[in-house]
Amino acid sequence: MLGLLLLQVLASCLWLGHSEVVNSFDSCPQFFYDGIPPNDALNPKNPARICQRFSNSYHYATLYDRDRRIPVYSAYKYRPGPYKRPSRKWMVEPQLIGKNNLKEMTSEKNLIYNHSFTLDKIKESQAIDDDYRGQKDLTRGHLSPNGHQYSEESKIATFTLTNIVPQDETLNNVNWNAYESQTMPKKTQGCTTTYVITGAVPGNTYVSNNRVNVPSHIWSAACCMLDKKPPKAWGAIAENKSKKEVEQLSLEDLENRLTKLYGKNVNLFNNACSQK
C-alpha cells in the first residue's frame, strides 16, 4: 500500500515537472488583447507556450508545436522602431529541452560548449539551424517579424527558430513582405496600441528528413485600439506558395477561414475586438 502511494506521488511530481514547460501565458499576458490568448482550436497535440525572453525581458509570446517543430502562432504588439535588421545568428529555446535553469533563448553553440547539451538532445524538441540550410525555394519566415519590433533587443529576439516556419521564398520576400512593411503601417495609423497574432496552418509536407512541417497557409490578425473609439480589427492570409497574393479580409472572415482549415471554431481575440 505504501509502495502504491509512493508511485502516485512520484507520478504527480513528474506530471507537474512536465506542465511547467507547457503552462499558460501568465508570465506575458501583455501581448494579448485583454490578456487572453486565442481559444484552444489552434492548440496542437504537443504544445509549448513560450514567453519569448531575451536580455532579461519578454518581447512576444509563441505557441509552439513540438511534434511539427514549428510555431502555431506568435503574438506581439506592433511597435516598429528605428533600429535596422540585426545581424544575428539564430537561437533556440533551452526550456523546451528539459529541466534546466536557462530561461532565455540562446545559440546552439552556447548550449553545447557552455552548458553540456548535445545537438541530438536539442533536436528532440525543436528545429535547429541545420534544418533550414539548403532548402530549395523555402526560407526562414518570421511570425513575429523584426520590423514590427521597437528596440534592438526585441528585434534580436525574433531571431529564434521557435518563431520561424519554412515559408515560400517568393511569398516571404515579395507579397508577405509588402503586407508587413507597407500595408501594416497604413492600417495602424491612429492606433494607440495594435495587438497582432500571426500564425501558420500546418501542411502535409515536411523538410529536413520529415523533421519540420511546411505550413499550407500563413495568416495574421490585428486588433487596433483607437483613442475614445471602439477598436477595429482586420486579417490577412496567403497560401504558402510562390506568387500567391495576400488576401486582406475582416477578422470575422479570417476566423471563418481558419475554422475551415483547422476543423474547429477559431476565436482569436475572445470576441473582444470589433470585427468591422
C-alpha atoms as a PDB file:
ATOM      1  CA  MET A   1       0.000   0.000   0.000  1.00  0.00           C
ATOM      2  CA  LEU A   2       2.850   2.363   0.891  1.00  0.00           C
ATOM      3  CA  GLY A   3       4.594   1.477  -2.358  1.00  0.00           C
ATOM      4  CA  LEU A   4       1.476   2.354  -4.367  1.00  0.00           C
ATOM      5  CA  LEU A   5       1.229   5.714  -2.565  1.00  0.00           C
ATOM      6  CA  LEU A   6       4.861   6.498  -3.346  1.00  0.00           C
ATOM      7  CA  LEU A   7       4.283   5.675  -7.011  1.00  0.00           C
ATOM      8  CA  GLN A   8       1.299   8.035  -7.096  1.00  0.00           C
ATOM      9  CA  VAL A   9       3.327  10.848  -5.524  1.00  0.00           C
ATOM     10  CA  LEU A  10       6.169  10.265  -7.994  1.00  0.00           C
ATOM     11  CA  ALA A  11       3.779  10.329 -10.939  1.00  0.00           C
ATOM     12  CA  SER A  12       2.291  13.599  -9.711  1.00  0.00           C
ATOM     13  CA  CYS A  13       5.734  15.150  -9.423  1.00  0.00           C
ATOM     14  CA  LEU A  14       6.653  14.066 -12.946  1.00  0.00           C
ATOM     15  CA  TRP A  15       3.426  15.481 -14.324  1.00  0.00           C
ATOM     16  CA  LEU A  16       3.986  18.790 -12.577  1.00  0.00           C
ATOM     17  CA  GLY A  17       7.508  18.969 -13.937  1.00  0.00           C
ATOM     18  CA  HIS A  18       6.182  18.479 -17.474  1.00  0.00           C
ATOM     19  CA  SER A  19       3.378  21.023 -17.110  1.00  0.00           C
ATOM     20  CA  GLU A  20       5.887  23.691 -16.081  1.00  0.00           C
ATOM     21  CA  VAL A  21       7.065  23.824 -19.694  1.00  0.00           C
ATOM     22  CA  VAL A  22       3.600  23.910 -21.309  1.00  0.00           C
ATOM     23  CA  ASN A  23       1.872  26.215 -18.835  1.00  0.00           C
ATOM     24  CA  SER A  24      -0.281  29.219 -19.700  1.00  0.00           C
ATOM     25  CA  PHE A  25       0.920  32.625 -20.855  1.00  0.00           C
ATOM     26  CA  ASP A  26       0.554  34.001 -17.314  1.00  0.00           C
ATOM     27  CA  SER A  27       4.077  35.442 -17.414  1.00  0.00           C
ATOM     28  CA  CYS A  28       3.437  37.506 -20.568  1.00  0.00           C
ATOM     29  CA  PRO A  29      -0.293  38.304 -20.950  1.00  0.00           C
ATOM     30  CA  GLN A  30       0.573  41.815 -22.183  1.00  0.00           C
ATOM     31  CA  PHE A  31       0.968  40.552 -25.745  1.00  0.00           C
ATOM     32  CA  PHE A  32      -2.705  39.550 -25.988  1.00  0.00           C
ATOM     33  CA  TYR A  33      -5.687  41.885 -26.111  1.00  0.00           C
ATOM     34  CA  ASP A  34      -7.309  41.849 -22.650  1.00  0.00           C
ATOM     35  CA  GLY A  35      -4.578  39.374 -21.672  1.00  0.00           C
ATOM     36  CA  ILE A  36      -6.499  36.491 -23.303  1.00  0.00           C
ATOM     37  CA  PRO A  37      -4.844  34.255 -25.947  1.00  0.00           C
ATOM     38  CA  PRO A  38      -6.776  32.589 -28.802  1.00  0.00           C
ATOM     39  CA  ASN A  39      -9.079  29.732 -27.884  1.00  0.00           C
ATOM     40  CA  ASP A  40      -7.972  26.095 -27.880  1.00  0.00           C
ATOM     41  CA  ALA A  41      -8.895  25.454 -31.530  1.00  0.00           C
ATOM     42  CA  LEU A  42      -5.324  26.178 -32.621  1.00  0.00           C
ATOM     43  CA  ASN A  43      -3.660  24.048 -29.956  1.00  0.00           C
ATOM     44  CA  PRO A  44      -1.525  21.172 -31.268  1.00  0.00           C
ATOM     45  CA  LYS A  45      -1.299  17.773 -29.577  1.00  0.00           C
ATOM     46  CA  ASN A  46       2.073  18.542 -28.022  1.00  0.00           C
ATOM     47  CA  PRO A  47       2.176  22.296 -27.331  1.00  0.00           C
ATOM     48  CA  ALA A  48       4.677  24.564 -25.628  1.00  0.00           C
ATOM     49  CA  ARG A  49       3.746  28.079 -24.601  1.00  0.00           C
ATOM     50  CA  ILE A  50       6.781  30.325 -24.727  1.00  0.00           C
ATOM     51  CA  CYS A  51       7.138  33.813 -23.310  1.00  0.00           C
ATOM     52  CA  GLN A  52       9.998  34.764 -25.610  1.00  0.00           C
ATOM     53  CA  ARG A  53      12.681  36.095 -23.300  1.00  0.00           C
ATOM     54  CA  PHE A  54      15.927  37.798 -24.274  1.00  0.00           C
ATOM     55  CA  SER A  55      18.194  40.215 -22.378  1.00  0.00           C
ATOM     56  CA  ASN A  56      16.115  39.707 -19.233  1.00  0.00           C
ATOM     57  CA  SER A  57      12.851  40.877 -20.847  1.00  0.00           C
ATOM     58  CA  TYR A  58       9.830  39.328 -22.574  1.00  0.00           C
ATOM     59  CA  HIS A  59       9.344  40.515 -26.164  1.00  0.00           C
ATOM     60  CA  TYR A  60       6.425  38.438 -27.544  1.00  0.00           C
ATOM     61  CA  ALA A  61       4.604  35.150 -26.953  1.00  0.00           C
ATOM     62  CA  THR A  62       4.633  31.957 -29.039  1.00  0.00           C
ATOM     63  CA  LEU A  63       2.541  28.809 -29.085  1.00  0.00           C
ATOM     64  CA  TYR A  64       4.924  26.130 -30.357  1.00  0.00           C
ATOM     65  CA  ASP A  65       4.179  22.707 -31.860  1.00  0.00           C
ATOM     66  CA  ARG A  66       6.858  20.317 -30.592  1.00  0.00           C
ATOM     67  CA  ASP A  67       5.861  17.494 -32.944  1.00  0.00           C
ATOM     68  CA  ARG A  68       5.864  19.547 -36.153  1.00  0.00           C
ATOM     69  CA  ARG A  69       8.732  21.740 -34.888  1.00  0.00           C
ATOM     70  CA  ILE A  70       7.115  24.998 -35.980  1.00  0.00           C
ATOM     71  CA  PRO A  71       5.286  27.774 -34.126  1.00  0.00           C
ATOM     72  CA  VAL A  72       1.495  27.741 -34.303  1.00  0.00           C
ATOM     73  CA  TYR A  73       1.425  31.499 -33.796  1.00  0.00           C
ATOM     74  CA  SER A  74       3.350  34.384 -32.278  1.00  0.00           C
ATOM     75  CA  ALA A  75       1.534  37.248 -30.522  1.00  0.00           C
ATOM     76  CA  TYR A  76       3.062  40.692 -30.128  1.00  0.00           C
ATOM     77  CA  LYS A  77       2.427  44.427 -30.022  1.00  0.00           C
ATOM     78  CA  TYR A  78       3.077  46.227 -33.283  1.00  0.00           C
ATOM     79  CA  ARG A  79       5.742  48.835 -32.466  1.00  0.00           C
ATOM     80  CA  PRO A  80       8.145  49.401 -35.380  1.00  0.00           C
ATOM     81  CA  GLY A  81      11.312  51.135 -34.250  1.00  0.00           C
ATOM     82  CA  PRO A  82      14.304  52.947 -35.746  1.00  0.00           C
ATOM     83  CA  TYR A  83      16.854  50.143 -35.476  1.00  0.00           C
ATOM     84  CA  LYS A  84      17.883  48.234 -38.592  1.00  0.00           C
ATOM     85  CA  ARG A  85      17.565  44.467 -39.052  1.00  0.00           C
ATOM     86  CA  PRO A  86      20.149  42.985 -36.698  1.00  0.00           C
ATOM     87  CA  SER A  87      22.932  40.724 -37.896  1.00  0.00           C
ATOM     88  CA  ARG A  88      22.435  37.822 -35.523  1.00  0.00           C
ATOM     89  CA  LYS A  89      22.882  34.080 -35.508  1.00  0.00           C
ATOM     90  CA  TRP A  90      19.765  32.004 -34.965  1.00  0.00           C
ATOM     91  CA  MET A  91      18.828  30.949 -31.456  1.00  0.00           C
ATOM     92  CA  VAL A  92      16.888  28.085 -29.866  1.00  0.00           C
ATOM     93  CA  GLU A  93      14.816  27.694 -26.694  1.00  0.00           C
ATOM     94  CA  PRO A  94      16.545  25.879 -23.783  1.00  0.00           C
ATOM     95  CA  GLN A  95      13.275  25.481 -21.844  1.00  0.00           C
ATOM     96  CA  LEU A  96      11.995  23.044 -24.487  1.00  0.00           C
ATOM     97  CA  ILE A  97      14.878  20.644 -23.956  1.00  0.00           C
ATOM     98  CA  GLY A  98      14.057  19.565 -20.422  1.00  0.00           C
ATOM     99  CA  LYS A  99      14.507  20.676 -16.860  1.00  0.00           C
ATOM    100  CA  ASN A 100      17.191  23.352 -16.629  1.00  0.00           C
ATOM    101  CA  ASN A 101      17.685  26.828 -15.212  1.00  0.00           C
ATOM    102  CA  LEU A 102      18.207  28.572 -18.557  1.00  0.00           C
ATOM    103  CA  LYS A 103      15.271  30.945 -19.005  1.00  0.00           C
ATOM    104  CA  GLU A 104      16.354  32.806 -22.164  1.00  0.00           C
ATOM    105  CA  MET A 105      16.776  31.923 -25.804  1.00  0.00           C
ATOM    106  CA  THR A 106      20.381  31.345 -26.789  1.00  0.00           C
ATOM    107  CA  SER A 107      22.560  29.839 -29.524  1.00  0.00           C
ATOM    108  CA  GLU A 108      23.110  26.143 -30.114  1.00  0.00           C
ATOM    109  CA  LYS A 109      26.854  26.641 -29.641  1.00  0.00           C
ATOM    110  CA  ASN A 110      26.341  28.215 -26.220  1.00  0.00           C
ATOM    111  CA  LEU A 111      24.216  25.278 -25.086  1.00  0.00           C
ATOM    112  CA  ILE A 112      26.699  22.725 -26.413  1.00  0.00           C
ATOM    113  CA  TYR A 113      30.007  24.288 -25.334  1.00  0.00           C
ATOM    114  CA  ASN A 114      28.991  26.062 -22.134  1.00  0.00           C
ATOM    115  CA  HIS A 115      26.095  24.003 -20.781  1.00  0.00           C
ATOM    116  CA  SER A 116      26.926  20.416 -21.823  1.00  0.00           C
ATOM    117  CA  PHE A 117      23.886  19.863 -24.076  1.00  0.00           C
ATOM    118  CA  THR A 118      24.236  17.751 -27.203  1.00  0.00           C
ATOM    119  CA  LEU A 119      22.890  18.701 -30.620  1.00  0.00           C
ATOM    120  CA  ASP A 120      20.827  15.490 -30.668  1.00  0.00           C
ATOM    121  CA  LYS A 121      19.207  16.493 -27.385  1.00  0.00           C
ATOM    122  CA  ILE A 122      18.332  19.940 -28.726  1.00  0.00           C
ATOM    123  CA  LYS A 123      16.890  18.397 -31.922  1.00  0.00           C
ATOM    124  CA  GLU A 124      14.402  16.276 -29.994  1.00  0.00           C
ATOM    125  CA  SER A 125      12.212  19.218 -29.006  1.00  0.00           C
ATOM    126  CA  GLN A 126      12.620  21.835 -31.735  1.00  0.00           C
ATOM    127  CA  ALA A 127      14.048  22.825 -35.092  1.00  0.00           C
ATOM    128  CA  ILE A 128      17.743  23.618 -35.334  1.00  0.00           C
ATOM    129  CA  ASP A 129      19.793  25.725 -37.726  1.00  0.00           C
ATOM    130  CA  ASP A 130      20.697  22.788 -39.980  1.00  0.00           C
ATOM    131  CA  ASP A 131      17.013  22.050 -40.642  1.00  0.00           C
ATOM    132  CA  TYR A 132      16.746  25.249 -42.702  1.00  0.00           C
ATOM    133  CA  ARG A 133      20.021  25.064 -44.595  1.00  0.00           C
ATOM    134  CA  GLY A 134      19.944  24.188 -48.286  1.00  0.00           C
ATOM    135  CA  GLN A 135      16.150  24.217 -48.612  1.00  0.00           C
ATOM    136  CA  LYS A 136      15.104  24.876 -52.197  1.00  0.00           C
ATOM    137  CA  ASP A 137      12.554  27.683 -52.647  1.00  0.00           C
ATOM    138  CA  LEU A 138      11.951  27.885 -48.888  1.00  0.00           C
ATOM    139  CA  THR A 139      13.275  30.461 -46.454  1.00  0.00           C
ATOM    140  CA  ARG A 140      13.011  31.246 -42.738  1.00  0.00           C
ATOM    141  CA  GLY A 141       9.723  33.072 -42.299  1.00  0.00           C
ATOM    142  CA  HIS A 142       9.248  35.136 -39.138  1.00  0.00           C
ATOM    143  CA  LEU A 143       5.834  35.065 -37.488  1.00  0.00           C
ATOM    144  CA  SER A 144       6.814  37.955 -35.219  1.00  0.00           C
ATOM    145  CA  PRO A 145       8.923  39.995 -37.675  1.00  0.00           C
ATOM    146  CA  ASN A 146      11.861  42.062 -36.516  1.00  0.00           C
ATOM    147  CA  GLY A 147      10.499  45.030 -38.478  1.00  0.00           C
ATOM    148  CA  HIS A 148       7.465  45.202 -36.168  1.00  0.00           C
ATOM    149  CA  GLN A 149       9.577  45.467 -33.017  1.00  0.00           C
ATOM    150  CA  TYR A 150      10.741  48.701 -31.421  1.00  0.00           C
ATOM    151  CA  SER A 151      14.012  48.078 -29.593  1.00  0.00           C
ATOM    152  CA  GLU A 152      17.229  46.488 -30.743  1.00  0.00           C
ATOM    153  CA  GLU A 153      16.788  43.727 -28.158  1.00  0.00           C
ATOM    154  CA  SER A 154      13.235  42.983 -29.338  1.00  0.00           C
ATOM    155  CA  LYS A 155      14.398  42.778 -32.941  1.00  0.00           C
ATOM    156  CA  ILE A 156      17.168  40.358 -31.981  1.00  0.00           C
ATOM    157  CA  ALA A 157      14.645  38.277 -30.013  1.00  0.00           C
ATOM    158  CA  THR A 158      12.715  37.484 -33.203  1.00  0.00           C
ATOM    159  CA  PHE A 159      15.694  35.510 -34.469  1.00  0.00           C
ATOM    160  CA  THR A 160      14.838  32.308 -32.656  1.00  0.00           C
ATOM    161  CA  LEU A 161      13.834  29.160 -34.512  1.00  0.00           C
ATOM    162  CA  THR A 162      10.743  28.852 -32.314  1.00  0.00           C
ATOM    163  CA  ASN A 163       9.438  31.939 -34.182  1.00  0.00           C
ATOM    164  CA  ILE A 164      10.239  30.605 -37.668  1.00  0.00           C
ATOM    165  CA  VAL A 165       8.441  28.462 -40.264  1.00  0.00           C
ATOM    166  CA  PRO A 166       9.556  27.227 -43.697  1.00  0.00           C
ATOM    167  CA  GLN A 167       7.984  29.908 -45.891  1.00  0.00           C
ATOM    168  CA  ASP A 168       7.971  30.081 -49.668  1.00  0.00           C
ATOM    169  CA  GLU A 169      10.875  32.359 -50.548  1.00  0.00           C
ATOM    170  CA  THR A 170       8.982  34.479 -53.080  1.00  0.00           C
ATOM    171  CA  LEU A 171       5.966  34.891 -50.811  1.00  0.00           C
ATOM    172  CA  ASN A 172       8.196  35.893 -47.889  1.00  0.00           C
ATOM    173  CA  ASN A 173      10.293  38.362 -49.868  1.00  0.00           C
ATOM    174  CA  VAL A 174       7.569  39.920 -52.014  1.00  0.00           C
ATOM    175  CA  ASN A 175       3.861  39.809 -51.148  1.00  0.00           C
ATOM    176  CA  TRP A 176       4.063  38.940 -47.453  1.00  0.00           C
ATOM    177  CA  ASN A 177       6.871  41.439 -47.003  1.00  0.00           C
ATOM    178  CA  ALA A 178       4.703  44.100 -48.651  1.00  0.00           C
ATOM    179  CA  TYR A 179       1.917  43.360 -46.186  1.00  0.00           C
ATOM    180  CA  GLU A 180       4.312  43.613 -43.215  1.00  0.00           C
ATOM    181  CA  SER A 181       6.221  46.705 -44.339  1.00  0.00           C
ATOM    182  CA  GLN A 182       3.653  48.692 -46.363  1.00  0.00           C
ATOM    183  CA  THR A 183       0.102  47.617 -45.500  1.00  0.00           C
ATOM    184  CA  MET A 184       0.534  47.415 -41.725  1.00  0.00           C
ATOM    185  CA  PRO A 185       1.890  50.991 -41.344  1.00  0.00           C
ATOM    186  CA  LYS A 186      -1.113  52.305 -43.277  1.00  0.00           C
ATOM    187  CA  LYS A 187      -3.745  50.270 -41.430  1.00  0.00           C
ATOM    188  CA  THR A 188      -2.317  51.098 -37.994  1.00  0.00           C
ATOM    189  CA  GLN A 189      -2.408  54.860 -38.440  1.00  0.00           C
ATOM    190  CA  GLY A 190      -4.243  56.360 -35.468  1.00  0.00           C
ATOM    191  CA  CYS A 191      -3.923  53.202 -33.363  1.00  0.00           C
ATOM    192  CA  THR A 192      -2.720  53.751 -29.816  1.00  0.00           C
ATOM    193  CA  THR A 193      -1.868  50.047 -29.419  1.00  0.00           C
ATOM    194  CA  THR A 194      -2.096  47.262 -32.001  1.00  0.00           C
ATOM    195  CA  TYR A 195      -2.169  43.631 -30.901  1.00  0.00           C
ATOM    196  CA  VAL A 196      -1.067  41.174 -33.578  1.00  0.00           C
ATOM    197  CA  ILE A 197      -1.314  37.392 -33.812  1.00  0.00           C
ATOM    198  CA  THR A 198       0.478  35.821 -36.774  1.00  0.00           C
ATOM    199  CA  GLY A 199       0.262  32.106 -37.395  1.00  0.00           C
ATOM    200  CA  ALA A 200       0.895  29.195 -39.722  1.00  0.00           C
ATOM    201  CA  VAL A 201      -1.565  26.454 -40.673  1.00  0.00           C
ATOM    202  CA  PRO A 202       0.220  23.063 -40.645  1.00  0.00           C
ATOM    203  CA  GLY A 203       0.627  21.497 -44.085  1.00  0.00           C
ATOM    204  CA  ASN A 204       1.039  17.959 -45.399  1.00  0.00           C
ATOM    205  CA  THR A 205       4.729  18.128 -46.299  1.00  0.00           C
ATOM    206  CA  TYR A 206       7.944  18.214 -44.293  1.00  0.00           C
ATOM    207  CA  VAL A 207      11.587  19.140 -44.824  1.00  0.00           C
ATOM    208  CA  SER A 208      14.841  18.006 -43.234  1.00  0.00           C
ATOM    209  CA  ASN A 209      14.068  14.270 -43.184  1.00  0.00           C
ATOM    210  CA  ASN A 210      10.454  14.819 -42.082  1.00  0.00           C
ATOM    211  CA  ARG A 211      11.518  16.873 -39.082  1.00  0.00           C
ATOM    212  CA  VAL A 212       9.983  20.286 -39.839  1.00  0.00           C
ATOM    213  CA  ASN A 213       6.477  20.868 -41.170  1.00  0.00           C
ATOM    214  CA  VAL A 214       5.886  23.163 -44.146  1.00  0.00           C
ATOM    215  CA  PRO A 215       2.731  25.238 -43.458  1.00  0.00           C
ATOM    216  CA  SER A 216      -0.063  25.366 -46.029  1.00  0.00           C
ATOM    217  CA  HIS A 217      -1.007  28.959 -45.156  1.00  0.00           C
ATOM    218  CA  ILE A 218       0.422  31.995 -43.370  1.00  0.00           C
ATOM    219  CA  TRP A 219      -2.065  34.294 -41.647  1.00  0.00           C
ATOM    220  CA  SER A 220      -2.170  37.368 -39.434  1.00  0.00           C
ATOM    221  CA  ALA A 221      -4.791  39.172 -37.353  1.00  0.00           C
ATOM    222  CA  ALA A 222      -4.651  42.639 -35.806  1.00  0.00           C
ATOM    223  CA  CYS A 223      -6.693  44.406 -33.134  1.00  0.00           C
ATOM    224  CA  CYS A 224      -6.225  48.174 -33.097  1.00  0.00           C
ATOM    225  CA  MET A 225      -7.024  50.349 -30.083  1.00  0.00           C
ATOM    226  CA  LEU A 226      -8.321  53.818 -31.004  1.00  0.00           C
ATOM    227  CA  ASP A 227      -8.422  56.845 -28.739  1.00  0.00           C
ATOM    228  CA  LYS A 228     -12.019  57.357 -27.497  1.00  0.00           C
ATOM    229  CA  LYS A 229     -13.392  55.000 -30.178  1.00  0.00           C
ATOM    230  CA  PRO A 230     -14.205  51.273 -30.316  1.00  0.00           C
ATOM    231  CA  PRO A 231     -11.337  49.084 -31.502  1.00  0.00           C
ATOM    232  CA  LYS A 232     -11.060  47.947 -35.099  1.00  0.00           C
ATOM    233  CA  ALA A 233      -9.685  44.692 -36.475  1.00  0.00           C
ATOM    234  CA  TRP A 234      -8.555  43.076 -39.718  1.00  0.00           C
ATOM    235  CA  GLY A 235      -6.890  39.961 -41.032  1.00  0.00           C
ATOM    236  CA  ALA A 236      -4.684  38.644 -43.821  1.00  0.00           C
ATOM    237  CA  ILE A 237      -3.980  35.171 -45.210  1.00  0.00           C
ATOM    238  CA  ALA A 238      -1.950  33.656 -48.038  1.00  0.00           C
ATOM    239  CA  GLU A 239      -1.226  30.179 -49.315  1.00  0.00           C
ATOM    240  CA  ASN A 240       2.383  29.289 -48.659  1.00  0.00           C
ATOM    241  CA  LYS A 241       3.213  29.115 -52.351  1.00  0.00           C
ATOM    242  CA  SER A 242       5.151  31.170 -54.840  1.00  0.00           C
ATOM    243  CA  LYS A 243       3.450  34.287 -56.252  1.00  0.00           C
ATOM    244  CA  LYS A 244       0.350  33.858 -54.097  1.00  0.00           C
ATOM    245  CA  GLU A 245      -1.456  37.053 -53.204  1.00  0.00           C
ATOM    246  CA  VAL A 246      -2.022  38.126 -49.608  1.00  0.00           C
ATOM    247  CA  GLU A 247      -5.779  38.326 -49.153  1.00  0.00           C
ATOM    248  CA  GLN A 248      -6.870  41.093 -46.809  1.00  0.00           C
ATOM    249  CA  LEU A 249     -10.154  40.419 -45.045  1.00  0.00           C
ATOM    250  CA  SER A 250     -12.130  41.156 -41.924  1.00  0.00           C
ATOM    251  CA  LEU A 251     -11.281  39.474 -38.646  1.00  0.00           C
ATOM    252  CA  GLU A 252     -14.564  37.579 -38.805  1.00  0.00           C
ATOM    253  CA  ASP A 253     -13.812  36.273 -42.308  1.00  0.00           C
ATOM    254  CA  LEU A 254     -10.293  35.266 -41.255  1.00  0.00           C
ATOM    255  CA  GLU A 255     -11.636  33.347 -38.254  1.00  0.00           C
ATOM    256  CA  ASN A 256     -14.176  31.615 -40.516  1.00  0.00           C
ATOM    257  CA  ARG A 257     -11.407  30.662 -42.947  1.00  0.00           C
ATOM    258  CA  LEU A 258      -9.238  29.306 -40.135  1.00  0.00           C
ATOM    259  CA  THR A 259     -12.223  27.422 -38.711  1.00  0.00           C
ATOM    260  CA  LYS A 260     -12.494  25.543 -42.026  1.00  0.00           C
ATOM    261  CA  LEU A 261      -8.751  24.904 -42.224  1.00  0.00           C
ATOM    262  CA  TYR A 262      -8.434  23.664 -38.632  1.00  0.00           C
ATOM    263  CA  GLY A 263     -11.828  21.962 -38.431  1.00  0.00           C
ATOM    264  CA  LYS A 264     -12.551  23.722 -35.129  1.00  0.00           C
ATOM    265  CA  ASN A 265     -14.177  27.033 -34.240  1.00  0.00           C
ATOM    266  CA  VAL A 266     -11.363  29.613 -34.100  1.00  0.00           C
ATOM    267  CA  ASN A 267     -11.649  32.702 -31.893  1.00  0.00           C
ATOM    268  CA  LEU A 268      -8.535  34.883 -31.901  1.00  0.00           C
ATOM    269  CA  PHE A 269      -9.424  37.833 -29.637  1.00  0.00           C
ATOM    270  CA  ASN A 270     -12.074  36.315 -27.361  1.00  0.00           C
ATOM    271  CA  ASN A 271     -14.823  38.242 -29.199  1.00  0.00           C
ATOM    272  CA  ALA A 272     -13.444  41.398 -27.572  1.00  0.00           C
ATOM    273  CA  CYS A 273     -12.219  43.260 -30.655  1.00  0.00           C
ATOM    274  CA  SER A 274     -14.514  44.856 -33.221  1.00  0.00           C
ATOM    275  CA  GLN A 275     -14.908  42.796 -36.370  1.00  0.00           C
ATOM    276  CA  LYS A 276     -15.897  45.701 -38.621  1.00  0.00           C
END
